[in-house]
Every structure is written in C-alpha cells, then in structure tokens.
Amino acid sequence: MAEKKELENKEEDAEEETVIRKTISIKGVSSDLYKRIQKLSSDTGKTIGQITDEAYRSFVGSIDNAKHLSDNFIKGLKEGSSEYIENIKDLDISGKDLEEIGRKIVFKNIENLTFTDITGEQFDKYVISIINVKNVIIPKTLSKAKVILRCNFVDKITS
C-alpha cells in the first residue's frame, strides 16, 4: 500500500516536472495577503509558487464556470422566450407547423384561427396563449378545456 502511494507521488512529481517553471514578479500584491500566503505555505508544506498556482487555477476555473453558466442562462432565456404570431385575418396552423417553429407561441389579434392535425401534447408544448381572437376552430381530438385555459378575449371556440 505504501509502495503504491509512493509510486503515485512519483508520477505526480513527474507530471509537475514537465511544467515549465519561470520566475515571475507580480507587482501590487498587498503585504498582508502575501504574509497569509507565506503562512499557508509553511502550514501546508507547499511552496508559495504551488499555492499561487492553485489560487490562479481556482480563480480561472471560477471565471470559466461563471461564463459557462452565464452562456447557458442566456441560451435558456432565448429558448424559453415566446414568439408572437399576430395581426392576421385568417390563419390555419398544424401541429407540424408548431414543431417547425420550435418555440412557445402567443397567438394575438387574429380574426379566424384554425388548428389542424394537432395533438394535445403539441398544443401544451407550443401554445402559450390565444389573445383577442374572434374565432378559434380546433379539431375534435383536441380538448376544448385545454384551449379555453389559454384563451383571453376570444369570441368563439368551435370544434
């Protein structure tokens, strides 16, 4: 067991030796912070350079992680945002059309809105709301209750 640990330590040392070390002077480090790093160095048995490397590695990793989270957050916002389809007199839209758009949709200011070949799952996934539409026509296979829950200022729903 001790031999295995010693071998692992030698492998780690060999990996560290392949890193090119260079003397670097860093201006502007506060003396209080430097003293704390020196104390940490003596407490852990690591060199100031090793501790500094770990600190930089941790800092850069944190920045990279924050950027990754930020990029994913923005992507999620874009994907989660809805599209408006509005100000159309007559519109026939199918489940396939909704899938091609691939985003949540608000239907607004439409005189006649007809849903064709649409499943309940497609309706749930893509239709956020139907606002200010005179006539909404749905297939008999689509639950009128689902449609009603998404409607505001709709004059008539027929199947």
N, C-alpha and C. Protein backbone atom coordinates (compact mmCIF):
# COMPACT_ATOMS: atom_id res chain seq x y z
N MET A 1 0.82 -1.18 0.00
CA MET A 1 0.00 0.00 0.00
C MET A 1 0.87 1.26 0.00
N ALA A 2 1.89 1.26 0.86
CA ALA A 2 2.81 2.41 0.93
C ALA A 2 3.56 2.56 -0.38
N GLU A 3 3.91 1.40 -1.02
CA GLU A 3 4.62 1.45 -2.29
C GLU A 3 3.74 2.08 -3.37
N LYS A 4 2.45 1.72 -3.34
CA LYS A 4 1.52 2.26 -4.34
C LYS A 4 1.41 3.78 -4.19
N LYS A 5 1.28 4.26 -2.95
CA LYS A 5 1.19 5.69 -2.69
C LYS A 5 2.48 6.40 -3.11
N GLU A 6 3.61 5.78 -2.82
CA GLU A 6 4.90 6.36 -3.21
C GLU A 6 5.01 6.45 -4.73
N LEU A 7 4.53 5.41 -5.43
CA LEU A 7 4.54 5.41 -6.89
C LEU A 7 3.64 6.52 -7.44
N GLU A 8 2.46 6.69 -6.83
CA GLU A 8 1.56 7.76 -7.26
C GLU A 8 2.21 9.11 -7.05
N ASN A 9 2.88 9.29 -5.92
CA ASN A 9 3.57 10.56 -5.65
C ASN A 9 4.67 10.83 -6.67
N LYS A 10 5.42 9.78 -7.05
CA LYS A 10 6.47 9.94 -8.06
C LYS A 10 5.86 10.33 -9.40
N GLU A 11 4.70 9.70 -9.75
CA GLU A 11 4.04 10.04 -11.02
C GLU A 11 3.58 11.49 -11.00
N GLU A 12 3.02 11.93 -9.86
CA GLU A 12 2.59 13.33 -9.75
C GLU A 12 3.79 14.26 -9.88
N ASP A 13 4.91 13.90 -9.22
CA ASP A 13 6.12 14.72 -9.30
C ASP A 13 6.62 14.78 -10.74
N ALA A 14 6.55 13.66 -11.46
CA ALA A 14 7.00 13.62 -12.85
C ALA A 14 6.11 14.53 -13.70
N GLU A 15 4.80 14.51 -13.44
CA GLU A 15 3.90 15.38 -14.19
C GLU A 15 4.21 16.84 -13.90
N GLU A 16 4.47 17.17 -12.63
CA GLU A 16 4.79 18.54 -12.27
C GLU A 16 6.11 18.99 -12.89
N GLU A 17 7.08 18.07 -13.04
CA GLU A 17 8.37 18.42 -13.61
C GLU A 17 8.25 18.79 -15.07
N THR A 18 7.25 18.30 -15.78
CA THR A 18 7.09 18.63 -17.19
C THR A 18 6.57 20.05 -17.37
N VAL A 19 6.04 20.65 -16.31
CA VAL A 19 5.57 22.03 -16.38
C VAL A 19 6.79 22.94 -16.38
N ILE A 20 6.81 23.87 -17.30
CA ILE A 20 7.93 24.80 -17.37
C ILE A 20 7.74 25.86 -16.31
N ARG A 21 8.71 25.95 -15.42
CA ARG A 21 8.67 26.92 -14.32
C ARG A 21 9.50 28.12 -14.71
N LYS A 22 9.04 29.28 -14.30
CA LYS A 22 9.70 30.52 -14.67
C LYS A 22 9.52 31.49 -13.52
N THR A 23 10.52 32.29 -13.24
CA THR A 23 10.40 33.29 -12.19
C THR A 23 9.56 34.44 -12.71
N ILE A 24 8.51 34.73 -11.96
CA ILE A 24 7.59 35.81 -12.36
C ILE A 24 7.44 36.75 -11.17
N SER A 25 7.59 38.03 -11.43
CA SER A 25 7.41 39.03 -10.39
C SER A 25 6.03 39.63 -10.57
N ILE A 26 5.28 39.69 -9.47
CA ILE A 26 3.94 40.26 -9.54
C ILE A 26 3.91 41.51 -8.68
N LYS A 27 3.63 42.62 -9.31
CA LYS A 27 3.59 43.90 -8.60
C LYS A 27 2.21 44.12 -8.01
N GLY A 28 2.17 44.82 -6.92
CA GLY A 28 0.90 45.25 -6.37
C GLY A 28 0.21 44.27 -5.43
N VAL A 29 0.90 43.18 -5.03
CA VAL A 29 0.31 42.24 -4.08
C VAL A 29 0.41 42.87 -2.70
N SER A 30 -0.70 42.92 -1.98
CA SER A 30 -0.66 43.54 -0.65
C SER A 30 0.19 42.70 0.29
N SER A 31 0.91 43.39 1.18
CA SER A 31 1.82 42.68 2.09
C SER A 31 1.03 41.77 3.04
N ASP A 32 -0.16 42.19 3.45
CA ASP A 32 -0.98 41.36 4.32
C ASP A 32 -1.35 40.05 3.64
N LEU A 33 -1.75 40.14 2.39
CA LEU A 33 -2.12 38.93 1.63
C LEU A 33 -0.90 38.04 1.43
N TYR A 34 0.23 38.63 1.12
CA TYR A 34 1.45 37.85 0.92
C TYR A 34 1.86 37.12 2.20
N LYS A 35 1.72 37.78 3.33
CA LYS A 35 2.03 37.14 4.62
C LYS A 35 1.11 35.95 4.87
N ARG A 36 -0.16 36.11 4.50
CA ARG A 36 -1.11 35.00 4.67
C ARG A 36 -0.74 33.82 3.77
N ILE A 37 -0.28 34.13 2.57
CA ILE A 37 0.15 33.07 1.64
C ILE A 37 1.40 32.38 2.19
N GLN A 38 2.32 33.16 2.75
CA GLN A 38 3.52 32.56 3.36
C GLN A 38 3.14 31.62 4.51
N LYS A 39 2.20 32.06 5.34
CA LYS A 39 1.76 31.22 6.47
C LYS A 39 1.11 29.95 5.94
N LEU A 40 0.26 30.09 4.94
CA LEU A 40 -0.38 28.92 4.33
C LEU A 40 0.67 27.98 3.75
N SER A 41 1.70 28.56 3.17
CA SER A 41 2.79 27.77 2.60
C SER A 41 3.49 26.95 3.68
N SER A 42 3.81 27.59 4.78
CA SER A 42 4.51 26.86 5.85
C SER A 42 3.58 25.85 6.52
N ASP A 43 2.30 26.17 6.65
CA ASP A 43 1.35 25.24 7.28
C ASP A 43 1.11 23.99 6.43
N THR A 44 1.13 24.15 5.13
CA THR A 44 0.82 23.02 4.24
C THR A 44 2.06 22.31 3.71
N GLY A 45 3.22 22.94 3.83
CA GLY A 45 4.43 22.34 3.30
C GLY A 45 4.57 22.53 1.79
N LYS A 46 3.77 23.39 1.24
CA LYS A 46 3.86 23.69 -0.20
C LYS A 46 4.64 24.98 -0.38
N THR A 47 5.17 25.15 -1.57
CA THR A 47 5.89 26.39 -1.86
C THR A 47 4.87 27.49 -2.15
N ILE A 48 5.33 28.73 -2.04
CA ILE A 48 4.46 29.86 -2.38
C ILE A 48 4.04 29.77 -3.84
N GLY A 49 4.93 29.32 -4.69
CA GLY A 49 4.60 29.15 -6.11
C GLY A 49 3.48 28.13 -6.31
N GLN A 50 3.54 27.01 -5.59
CA GLN A 50 2.48 25.99 -5.70
C GLN A 50 1.14 26.55 -5.22
N ILE A 51 1.16 27.26 -4.12
CA ILE A 51 -0.09 27.83 -3.60
C ILE A 51 -0.63 28.87 -4.56
N THR A 52 0.25 29.69 -5.11
CA THR A 52 -0.16 30.71 -6.07
C THR A 52 -0.74 30.05 -7.33
N ASP A 53 -0.07 29.00 -7.82
CA ASP A 53 -0.59 28.27 -8.99
C ASP A 53 -2.00 27.76 -8.71
N GLU A 54 -2.20 27.16 -7.53
CA GLU A 54 -3.52 26.62 -7.19
C GLU A 54 -4.56 27.74 -7.11
N ALA A 55 -4.15 28.87 -6.54
CA ALA A 55 -5.08 30.01 -6.44
C ALA A 55 -5.47 30.52 -7.83
N TYR A 56 -4.47 30.67 -8.70
CA TYR A 56 -4.77 31.12 -10.07
C TYR A 56 -5.65 30.11 -10.80
N ARG A 57 -5.30 28.84 -10.66
CA ARG A 57 -6.08 27.78 -11.32
C ARG A 57 -7.54 27.82 -10.84
N SER A 58 -7.72 27.97 -9.54
CA SER A 58 -9.07 28.04 -8.96
C SER A 58 -9.81 29.27 -9.47
N PHE A 59 -9.12 30.42 -9.49
CA PHE A 59 -9.74 31.66 -9.95
C PHE A 59 -10.15 31.57 -11.43
N VAL A 60 -9.23 31.10 -12.26
CA VAL A 60 -9.53 30.97 -13.70
C VAL A 60 -10.67 29.97 -13.91
N GLY A 61 -10.67 28.88 -13.15
CA GLY A 61 -11.75 27.91 -13.25
C GLY A 61 -13.08 28.51 -12.86
N SER A 62 -13.08 29.35 -11.83
CA SER A 62 -14.31 30.01 -11.39
C SER A 62 -14.83 30.95 -12.48
N ILE A 63 -13.93 31.69 -13.10
CA ILE A 63 -14.32 32.61 -14.17
C ILE A 63 -14.90 31.82 -15.34
N ASP A 64 -14.20 30.75 -15.74
CA ASP A 64 -14.69 29.92 -16.85
C ASP A 64 -16.06 29.33 -16.52
N ASN A 65 -16.23 28.87 -15.28
CA ASN A 65 -17.50 28.29 -14.87
C ASN A 65 -18.60 29.36 -14.88
N ALA A 66 -18.31 30.56 -14.39
CA ALA A 66 -19.29 31.64 -14.39
C ALA A 66 -19.69 32.00 -15.82
N LYS A 67 -18.72 32.03 -16.73
CA LYS A 67 -19.04 32.33 -18.14
C LYS A 67 -19.91 31.24 -18.73
N HIS A 68 -19.60 29.99 -18.42
CA HIS A 68 -20.39 28.87 -18.91
C HIS A 68 -21.83 28.96 -18.38
N LEU A 69 -21.98 29.25 -17.09
CA LEU A 69 -23.31 29.39 -16.50
C LEU A 69 -24.07 30.55 -17.14
N SER A 70 -23.37 31.66 -17.35
CA SER A 70 -23.98 32.83 -17.97
C SER A 70 -24.44 32.51 -19.39
N ASP A 71 -23.58 31.85 -20.17
CA ASP A 71 -23.95 31.48 -21.54
C ASP A 71 -25.17 30.56 -21.55
N ASN A 72 -25.19 29.58 -20.63
CA ASN A 72 -26.32 28.66 -20.56
C ASN A 72 -27.59 29.38 -20.11
N PHE A 73 -27.46 30.35 -19.20
CA PHE A 73 -28.61 31.12 -18.74
C PHE A 73 -29.21 31.91 -19.90
N ILE A 74 -28.37 32.58 -20.66
CA ILE A 74 -28.85 33.36 -21.80
C ILE A 74 -29.48 32.45 -22.85
N LYS A 75 -28.86 31.31 -23.10
CA LYS A 75 -29.43 30.35 -24.05
C LYS A 75 -30.80 29.88 -23.57
N GLY A 76 -30.92 29.60 -22.28
CA GLY A 76 -32.20 29.17 -21.72
C GLY A 76 -33.27 30.24 -21.85
N LEU A 77 -32.87 31.49 -21.63
CA LEU A 77 -33.82 32.58 -21.79
C LEU A 77 -34.32 32.68 -23.23
N LYS A 78 -33.38 32.55 -24.16
CA LYS A 78 -33.77 32.63 -25.57
C LYS A 78 -34.69 31.49 -25.96
N GLU A 79 -34.35 30.29 -25.49
CA GLU A 79 -35.18 29.13 -25.82
C GLU A 79 -36.52 29.19 -25.12
N GLY A 80 -36.54 29.77 -23.94
CA GLY A 80 -37.77 29.83 -23.16
C GLY A 80 -38.68 30.98 -23.56
N SER A 81 -38.15 31.94 -24.29
CA SER A 81 -38.98 33.07 -24.67
C SER A 81 -39.98 32.66 -25.74
N SER A 82 -41.06 33.40 -25.82
CA SER A 82 -42.11 33.03 -26.77
C SER A 82 -42.11 33.96 -27.98
N GLU A 83 -42.65 33.41 -29.05
CA GLU A 83 -42.82 34.17 -30.28
C GLU A 83 -44.26 34.64 -30.35
N TYR A 84 -44.48 35.76 -31.00
CA TYR A 84 -45.83 36.27 -31.21
C TYR A 84 -46.20 36.09 -32.67
N ILE A 85 -47.35 35.49 -32.89
CA ILE A 85 -47.93 35.46 -34.23
C ILE A 85 -49.19 36.30 -34.10
N GLU A 86 -49.20 37.44 -34.79
CA GLU A 86 -50.28 38.40 -34.54
C GLU A 86 -50.66 39.19 -35.78
N ASN A 87 -51.84 39.83 -35.65
CA ASN A 87 -52.35 40.75 -36.68
C ASN A 87 -52.53 40.06 -38.02
N ILE A 88 -53.23 38.91 -38.00
CA ILE A 88 -53.52 38.16 -39.22
C ILE A 88 -55.03 37.95 -39.28
N LYS A 89 -55.59 38.02 -40.47
CA LYS A 89 -57.04 37.84 -40.59
C LYS A 89 -57.41 36.37 -40.43
N ASP A 90 -56.85 35.48 -41.24
CA ASP A 90 -57.16 34.05 -41.17
C ASP A 90 -55.86 33.27 -41.10
N LEU A 91 -55.80 32.33 -40.16
CA LEU A 91 -54.59 31.52 -40.01
C LEU A 91 -54.97 30.08 -39.72
N ASP A 92 -54.47 29.17 -40.57
CA ASP A 92 -54.57 27.73 -40.31
C ASP A 92 -53.17 27.28 -39.90
N ILE A 93 -53.10 26.60 -38.77
CA ILE A 93 -51.80 26.14 -38.29
C ILE A 93 -51.91 24.70 -37.80
N SER A 94 -50.94 23.89 -38.19
CA SER A 94 -50.96 22.46 -37.82
C SER A 94 -49.93 22.18 -36.74
N GLY A 95 -50.01 20.99 -36.19
CA GLY A 95 -49.02 20.55 -35.22
C GLY A 95 -47.63 20.54 -35.83
N LYS A 96 -47.55 20.15 -37.09
CA LYS A 96 -46.25 20.14 -37.79
C LYS A 96 -45.68 21.56 -37.90
N ASP A 97 -46.55 22.53 -38.19
CA ASP A 97 -46.11 23.93 -38.25
C ASP A 97 -45.52 24.37 -36.91
N LEU A 98 -46.21 24.02 -35.83
CA LEU A 98 -45.74 24.39 -34.50
C LEU A 98 -44.37 23.79 -34.22
N GLU A 99 -44.19 22.53 -34.58
CA GLU A 99 -42.91 21.86 -34.37
C GLU A 99 -41.80 22.50 -35.19
N GLU A 100 -42.12 22.93 -36.41
CA GLU A 100 -41.11 23.60 -37.24
C GLU A 100 -40.69 24.93 -36.62
N ILE A 101 -41.64 25.64 -36.04
CA ILE A 101 -41.30 26.90 -35.35
C ILE A 101 -40.44 26.57 -34.13
N GLY A 102 -40.82 25.54 -33.41
CA GLY A 102 -39.99 25.02 -32.33
C GLY A 102 -39.90 25.88 -31.08
N ARG A 103 -40.78 26.85 -30.94
CA ARG A 103 -40.77 27.72 -29.76
C ARG A 103 -42.18 27.91 -29.26
N LYS A 104 -42.31 28.40 -28.06
CA LYS A 104 -43.61 28.70 -27.49
C LYS A 104 -44.20 29.90 -28.24
N ILE A 105 -45.52 29.85 -28.46
CA ILE A 105 -46.15 30.87 -29.30
C ILE A 105 -47.35 31.50 -28.60
N VAL A 106 -47.48 32.82 -28.79
CA VAL A 106 -48.67 33.56 -28.38
C VAL A 106 -49.36 33.97 -29.68
N PHE A 107 -50.63 33.56 -29.81
CA PHE A 107 -51.44 33.97 -30.96
C PHE A 107 -52.25 35.18 -30.52
N LYS A 108 -52.14 36.29 -31.28
CA LYS A 108 -52.76 37.54 -30.84
C LYS A 108 -53.32 38.32 -32.02
N ASN A 109 -54.50 38.91 -31.80
CA ASN A 109 -55.14 39.77 -32.81
C ASN A 109 -55.33 39.04 -34.14
N ILE A 110 -56.03 37.92 -34.08
CA ILE A 110 -56.32 37.12 -35.28
C ILE A 110 -57.83 36.98 -35.39
N GLU A 111 -58.35 37.13 -36.59
CA GLU A 111 -59.81 37.02 -36.75
C GLU A 111 -60.25 35.56 -36.68
N ASN A 112 -59.66 34.71 -37.51
CA ASN A 112 -60.02 33.29 -37.53
C ASN A 112 -58.75 32.44 -37.40
N LEU A 113 -58.66 31.71 -36.29
CA LEU A 113 -57.51 30.85 -36.02
C LEU A 113 -57.98 29.41 -36.03
N THR A 114 -57.42 28.61 -36.96
CA THR A 114 -57.82 27.21 -37.08
C THR A 114 -56.61 26.32 -36.81
N PHE A 115 -56.78 25.43 -35.82
CA PHE A 115 -55.76 24.43 -35.53
C PHE A 115 -56.13 23.14 -36.25
N THR A 116 -55.19 22.58 -37.01
CA THR A 116 -55.44 21.31 -37.72
C THR A 116 -54.35 20.31 -37.37
N ASP A 117 -54.72 19.04 -37.35
CA ASP A 117 -53.75 17.96 -37.11
C ASP A 117 -52.81 18.28 -35.95
N ILE A 118 -53.37 18.61 -34.82
CA ILE A 118 -52.56 18.96 -33.66
C ILE A 118 -52.95 18.05 -32.49
N THR A 119 -51.94 17.56 -31.80
CA THR A 119 -52.19 16.72 -30.63
C THR A 119 -52.25 17.59 -29.38
N GLY A 120 -52.77 17.03 -28.32
CA GLY A 120 -52.80 17.74 -27.05
C GLY A 120 -51.40 18.07 -26.55
N GLU A 121 -50.47 17.14 -26.80
CA GLU A 121 -49.09 17.36 -26.37
C GLU A 121 -48.46 18.53 -27.13
N GLN A 122 -48.72 18.58 -28.44
CA GLN A 122 -48.18 19.69 -29.24
C GLN A 122 -48.78 21.02 -28.77
N PHE A 123 -50.09 21.02 -28.51
CA PHE A 123 -50.75 22.24 -28.04
C PHE A 123 -50.13 22.69 -26.72
N ASP A 124 -49.98 21.75 -25.77
CA ASP A 124 -49.39 22.07 -24.46
C ASP A 124 -47.97 22.61 -24.59
N LYS A 125 -47.20 22.01 -25.47
CA LYS A 125 -45.79 22.36 -25.61
C LYS A 125 -45.57 23.71 -26.29
N TYR A 126 -46.41 24.06 -27.27
CA TYR A 126 -46.12 25.22 -28.10
C TYR A 126 -47.07 26.41 -27.94
N VAL A 127 -48.29 26.20 -27.52
CA VAL A 127 -49.26 27.30 -27.46
C VAL A 127 -49.30 27.86 -26.04
N ILE A 128 -48.83 29.08 -25.88
CA ILE A 128 -48.82 29.74 -24.57
C ILE A 128 -50.17 30.40 -24.31
N SER A 129 -50.62 31.19 -25.27
CA SER A 129 -51.91 31.85 -25.11
C SER A 129 -52.49 32.26 -26.45
N ILE A 130 -53.80 32.47 -26.40
CA ILE A 130 -54.55 32.93 -27.58
C ILE A 130 -55.29 34.18 -27.10
N ILE A 131 -54.92 35.33 -27.66
CA ILE A 131 -55.42 36.60 -27.16
C ILE A 131 -56.10 37.39 -28.27
N ASN A 132 -57.29 37.89 -27.96
CA ASN A 132 -58.03 38.75 -28.89
C ASN A 132 -58.21 38.09 -30.27
N VAL A 133 -58.82 36.91 -30.25
CA VAL A 133 -59.10 36.17 -31.47
C VAL A 133 -60.62 35.99 -31.56
N LYS A 134 -61.19 36.32 -32.72
CA LYS A 134 -62.65 36.20 -32.86
C LYS A 134 -63.10 34.75 -32.82
N ASN A 135 -62.56 33.92 -33.72
CA ASN A 135 -62.98 32.53 -33.83
C ASN A 135 -61.78 31.60 -33.75
N VAL A 136 -61.86 30.64 -32.83
CA VAL A 136 -60.84 29.61 -32.74
C VAL A 136 -61.51 28.30 -33.10
N ILE A 137 -60.95 27.63 -34.10
CA ILE A 137 -61.50 26.34 -34.55
C ILE A 137 -60.46 25.28 -34.24
N ILE A 138 -60.91 24.25 -33.52
CA ILE A 138 -60.00 23.18 -33.11
C ILE A 138 -60.52 21.84 -33.60
N PRO A 139 -59.65 20.86 -33.81
CA PRO A 139 -60.12 19.51 -34.19
C PRO A 139 -60.81 18.85 -32.98
N LYS A 140 -61.70 17.92 -33.26
CA LYS A 140 -62.43 17.23 -32.19
C LYS A 140 -61.50 16.46 -31.26
N THR A 141 -60.31 16.12 -31.75
CA THR A 141 -59.36 15.35 -30.94
C THR A 141 -58.65 16.21 -29.90
N LEU A 142 -58.76 17.53 -30.01
CA LEU A 142 -58.10 18.43 -29.06
C LEU A 142 -59.11 18.86 -28.00
N SER A 143 -58.71 18.74 -26.76
CA SER A 143 -59.59 19.08 -25.63
C SER A 143 -59.94 20.57 -25.63
N LYS A 144 -61.23 20.85 -25.65
CA LYS A 144 -61.68 22.24 -25.62
C LYS A 144 -61.27 22.89 -24.29
N ALA A 145 -61.25 22.10 -23.23
CA ALA A 145 -60.86 22.63 -21.92
C ALA A 145 -59.42 23.15 -21.95
N LYS A 146 -58.50 22.42 -22.62
CA LYS A 146 -57.11 22.88 -22.74
C LYS A 146 -57.06 24.22 -23.45
N VAL A 147 -57.85 24.34 -24.50
CA VAL A 147 -57.84 25.55 -25.31
C VAL A 147 -58.41 26.72 -24.51
N ILE A 148 -59.51 26.49 -23.82
CA ILE A 148 -60.16 27.55 -23.05
C ILE A 148 -59.19 28.15 -22.02
N LEU A 149 -58.40 27.31 -21.40
CA LEU A 149 -57.47 27.78 -20.38
C LEU A 149 -56.38 28.70 -20.93
N ARG A 150 -56.17 28.67 -22.23
CA ARG A 150 -55.14 29.52 -22.86
C ARG A 150 -55.73 30.75 -23.54
N CYS A 151 -57.04 30.91 -23.46
CA CYS A 151 -57.72 31.99 -24.21
C CYS A 151 -58.03 33.21 -23.36
N ASN A 152 -57.85 34.38 -23.99
CA ASN A 152 -58.25 35.68 -23.41
C ASN A 152 -58.87 36.49 -24.53
N PHE A 153 -60.06 37.03 -24.28
CA PHE A 153 -60.75 37.86 -25.26
C PHE A 153 -60.98 37.10 -26.57
N VAL A 154 -61.52 35.89 -26.45
CA VAL A 154 -61.87 35.08 -27.61
C VAL A 154 -63.39 35.05 -27.71
N ASP A 155 -63.92 35.34 -28.92
CA ASP A 155 -65.37 35.37 -29.09
C ASP A 155 -65.99 33.99 -29.17
N LYS A 156 -65.34 33.06 -29.90
CA LYS A 156 -65.99 31.77 -30.14
C LYS A 156 -64.96 30.67 -30.34
N ILE A 157 -65.21 29.51 -29.69
CA ILE A 157 -64.39 28.32 -29.88
C ILE A 157 -65.28 27.22 -30.40
N THR A 158 -64.90 26.65 -31.55
CA THR A 158 -65.69 25.55 -32.12
C THR A 158 -64.78 24.40 -32.50
N SER A 159 -65.42 23.20 -32.49
CA SER A 159 -64.63 22.03 -32.92
C SER A 159 -65.38 21.31 -34.03
